[in-house]
Protein backbone atom coordinates (compact mmCIF):
# COMPACT_ATOMS: atom_id res chain seq x y z
CA UNK A 1 0.00 0.00 0.00
CA UNK A 2 1.37 3.40 -0.90
CA UNK A 3 1.96 6.13 1.67
CA UNK A 4 -0.73 8.30 0.05
CA UNK A 5 -3.37 5.62 0.45
CA UNK A 6 -2.26 4.90 4.02
CA UNK A 7 -2.45 8.60 4.92
CA UNK A 8 -5.86 8.81 3.26
CA UNK A 9 -7.10 5.90 5.37
CA UNK A 10 -5.91 7.58 8.56
CA UNK A 11 -7.58 10.86 7.58
CA UNK A 12 -10.80 9.13 6.53
CA UNK A 13 -10.95 7.15 9.77
CA UNK A 14 -10.41 10.28 11.85
CA UNK A 15 -13.08 12.14 9.89
CA UNK A 16 -15.57 9.28 10.29
CA UNK A 17 -15.04 9.15 14.04
CA UNK A 18 -15.36 12.92 14.41
CA UNK A 19 -18.43 13.13 12.18
CA UNK A 20 -20.39 10.29 13.81
CA UNK A 21 -19.62 11.45 17.36
CA UNK A 22 -20.75 14.92 16.32
CA UNK A 23 -23.96 13.44 14.90
CA UNK A 24 -24.56 11.63 18.18
CA UNK A 25 -24.33 14.86 20.13
CA UNK A 26 -26.60 16.70 17.69
CA UNK A 27 -29.53 14.30 17.75
CA UNK A 28 -32.54 16.30 18.88
CA UNK A 29 -34.91 15.16 21.61
CA UNK A 30 -38.45 14.10 20.91
CA UNK A 31 -37.98 11.09 18.66
CA UNK A 32 -39.21 7.57 19.22
CA UNK A 33 -36.93 5.13 21.02
CA UNK A 34 -36.42 3.14 17.82
CA UNK A 35 -34.92 6.24 16.19
CA UNK A 36 -32.25 6.44 18.88
CA UNK A 37 -31.60 2.70 18.80
CA UNK A 38 -31.06 2.69 15.03
CA UNK A 39 -28.85 5.76 15.10
CA UNK A 40 -26.92 4.43 18.09
CA UNK A 41 -26.16 1.23 16.18
CA UNK A 42 -25.15 3.24 13.09
CA UNK A 43 -22.87 5.44 15.18
CA UNK A 44 -21.25 2.47 16.93
CA UNK A 45 -20.65 0.55 13.69
CA UNK A 46 -19.19 3.56 11.90
CA UNK A 47 -16.89 4.43 14.81
CA UNK A 48 -15.58 0.87 14.75
CA UNK A 49 -15.07 1.10 10.97
CA UNK A 50 -13.25 4.41 11.43
CA UNK A 51 -10.96 2.85 14.03
CA UNK A 52 -10.23 -0.09 11.73
CA UNK A 53 -9.37 2.26 8.85
CA UNK A 54 -7.09 4.28 11.10
CA UNK A 55 -5.42 1.13 12.40
CA UNK A 56 -4.77 -0.15 8.86
CA UNK A 57 -3.46 3.24 7.73
CA UNK A 58 -1.12 3.66 10.71
CA UNK A 59 0.11 0.10 10.32
CA UNK A 60 0.83 0.68 6.62
CA UNK A 61 2.65 3.93 7.40
CA UNK A 62 4.85 2.25 10.00
CA UNK A 63 5.85 -0.60 7.67
CA UNK A 64 7.55 1.67 5.18
C-alpha atoms as a PDB file:
ATOM      1  CA  UNK A   1       0.000   0.000   0.000  1.00  0.00           C
ATOM      2  CA  UNK A   2       1.371   3.403  -0.899  1.00  0.00           C
ATOM      3  CA  UNK A   3       1.955   6.130   1.669  1.00  0.00           C
ATOM      4  CA  UNK A   4      -0.735   8.297   0.054  1.00  0.00           C
ATOM      5  CA  UNK A   5      -3.371   5.624   0.449  1.00  0.00           C
ATOM      6  CA  UNK A   6      -2.261   4.905   4.024  1.00  0.00           C
ATOM      7  CA  UNK A   7      -2.446   8.605   4.923  1.00  0.00           C
ATOM      8  CA  UNK A   8      -5.860   8.814   3.258  1.00  0.00           C
ATOM      9  CA  UNK A   9      -7.105   5.899   5.374  1.00  0.00           C
ATOM     10  CA  UNK A  10      -5.906   7.585   8.555  1.00  0.00           C
ATOM     11  CA  UNK A  11      -7.577  10.863   7.578  1.00  0.00           C
ATOM     12  CA  UNK A  12     -10.797   9.128   6.534  1.00  0.00           C
ATOM     13  CA  UNK A  13     -10.946   7.150   9.771  1.00  0.00           C
ATOM     14  CA  UNK A  14     -10.414  10.285  11.854  1.00  0.00           C
ATOM     15  CA  UNK A  15     -13.079  12.135   9.888  1.00  0.00           C
ATOM     16  CA  UNK A  16     -15.569   9.284  10.292  1.00  0.00           C
ATOM     17  CA  UNK A  17     -15.043   9.148  14.043  1.00  0.00           C
ATOM     18  CA  UNK A  18     -15.357  12.924  14.411  1.00  0.00           C
ATOM     19  CA  UNK A  19     -18.428  13.129  12.179  1.00  0.00           C
ATOM     20  CA  UNK A  20     -20.386  10.295  13.808  1.00  0.00           C
ATOM     21  CA  UNK A  21     -19.624  11.452  17.356  1.00  0.00           C
ATOM     22  CA  UNK A  22     -20.751  14.923  16.323  1.00  0.00           C
ATOM     23  CA  UNK A  23     -23.965  13.442  14.900  1.00  0.00           C
ATOM     24  CA  UNK A  24     -24.559  11.633  18.175  1.00  0.00           C
ATOM     25  CA  UNK A  25     -24.333  14.865  20.132  1.00  0.00           C
ATOM     26  CA  UNK A  26     -26.596  16.699  17.693  1.00  0.00           C
ATOM     27  CA  UNK A  27     -29.535  14.299  17.748  1.00  0.00           C
ATOM     28  CA  UNK A  28     -32.536  16.296  18.881  1.00  0.00           C
ATOM     29  CA  UNK A  29     -34.915  15.159  21.611  1.00  0.00           C
ATOM     30  CA  UNK A  30     -38.450  14.101  20.912  1.00  0.00           C
ATOM     31  CA  UNK A  31     -37.984  11.090  18.661  1.00  0.00           C
ATOM     32  CA  UNK A  32     -39.214   7.573  19.216  1.00  0.00           C
ATOM     33  CA  UNK A  33     -36.929   5.130  21.022  1.00  0.00           C
ATOM     34  CA  UNK A  34     -36.416   3.140  17.816  1.00  0.00           C
ATOM     35  CA  UNK A  35     -34.916   6.238  16.186  1.00  0.00           C
ATOM     36  CA  UNK A  36     -32.249   6.440  18.878  1.00  0.00           C
ATOM     37  CA  UNK A  37     -31.596   2.701  18.800  1.00  0.00           C
ATOM     38  CA  UNK A  38     -31.059   2.693  15.029  1.00  0.00           C
ATOM     39  CA  UNK A  39     -28.848   5.758  15.102  1.00  0.00           C
ATOM     40  CA  UNK A  40     -26.919   4.426  18.093  1.00  0.00           C
ATOM     41  CA  UNK A  41     -26.165   1.232  16.177  1.00  0.00           C
ATOM     42  CA  UNK A  42     -25.148   3.242  13.091  1.00  0.00           C
ATOM     43  CA  UNK A  43     -22.869   5.443  15.177  1.00  0.00           C
ATOM     44  CA  UNK A  44     -21.246   2.470  16.927  1.00  0.00           C
ATOM     45  CA  UNK A  45     -20.646   0.552  13.689  1.00  0.00           C
ATOM     46  CA  UNK A  46     -19.194   3.558  11.900  1.00  0.00           C
ATOM     47  CA  UNK A  47     -16.889   4.434  14.808  1.00  0.00           C
ATOM     48  CA  UNK A  48     -15.577   0.865  14.752  1.00  0.00           C
ATOM     49  CA  UNK A  49     -15.070   1.098  10.972  1.00  0.00           C
ATOM     50  CA  UNK A  50     -13.249   4.406  11.427  1.00  0.00           C
ATOM     51  CA  UNK A  51     -10.963   2.846  14.032  1.00  0.00           C
ATOM     52  CA  UNK A  52     -10.231  -0.091  11.725  1.00  0.00           C
ATOM     53  CA  UNK A  53      -9.375   2.258   8.847  1.00  0.00           C
ATOM     54  CA  UNK A  54      -7.089   4.277  11.100  1.00  0.00           C
ATOM     55  CA  UNK A  55      -5.417   1.126  12.398  1.00  0.00           C
ATOM     56  CA  UNK A  56      -4.772  -0.146   8.858  1.00  0.00           C
ATOM     57  CA  UNK A  57      -3.457   3.235   7.734  1.00  0.00           C
ATOM     58  CA  UNK A  58      -1.121   3.664  10.707  1.00  0.00           C
ATOM     59  CA  UNK A  59       0.110   0.103  10.321  1.00  0.00           C
ATOM     60  CA  UNK A  60       0.829   0.681   6.625  1.00  0.00           C
ATOM     61  CA  UNK A  61       2.651   3.935   7.398  1.00  0.00           C
ATOM     62  CA  UNK A  62       4.852   2.250   9.999  1.00  0.00           C
ATOM     63  CA  UNK A  63       5.846  -0.602   7.672  1.00  0.00           C
ATOM     64  CA  UNK A  64       7.547   1.673   5.178  1.00  0.00           C
END
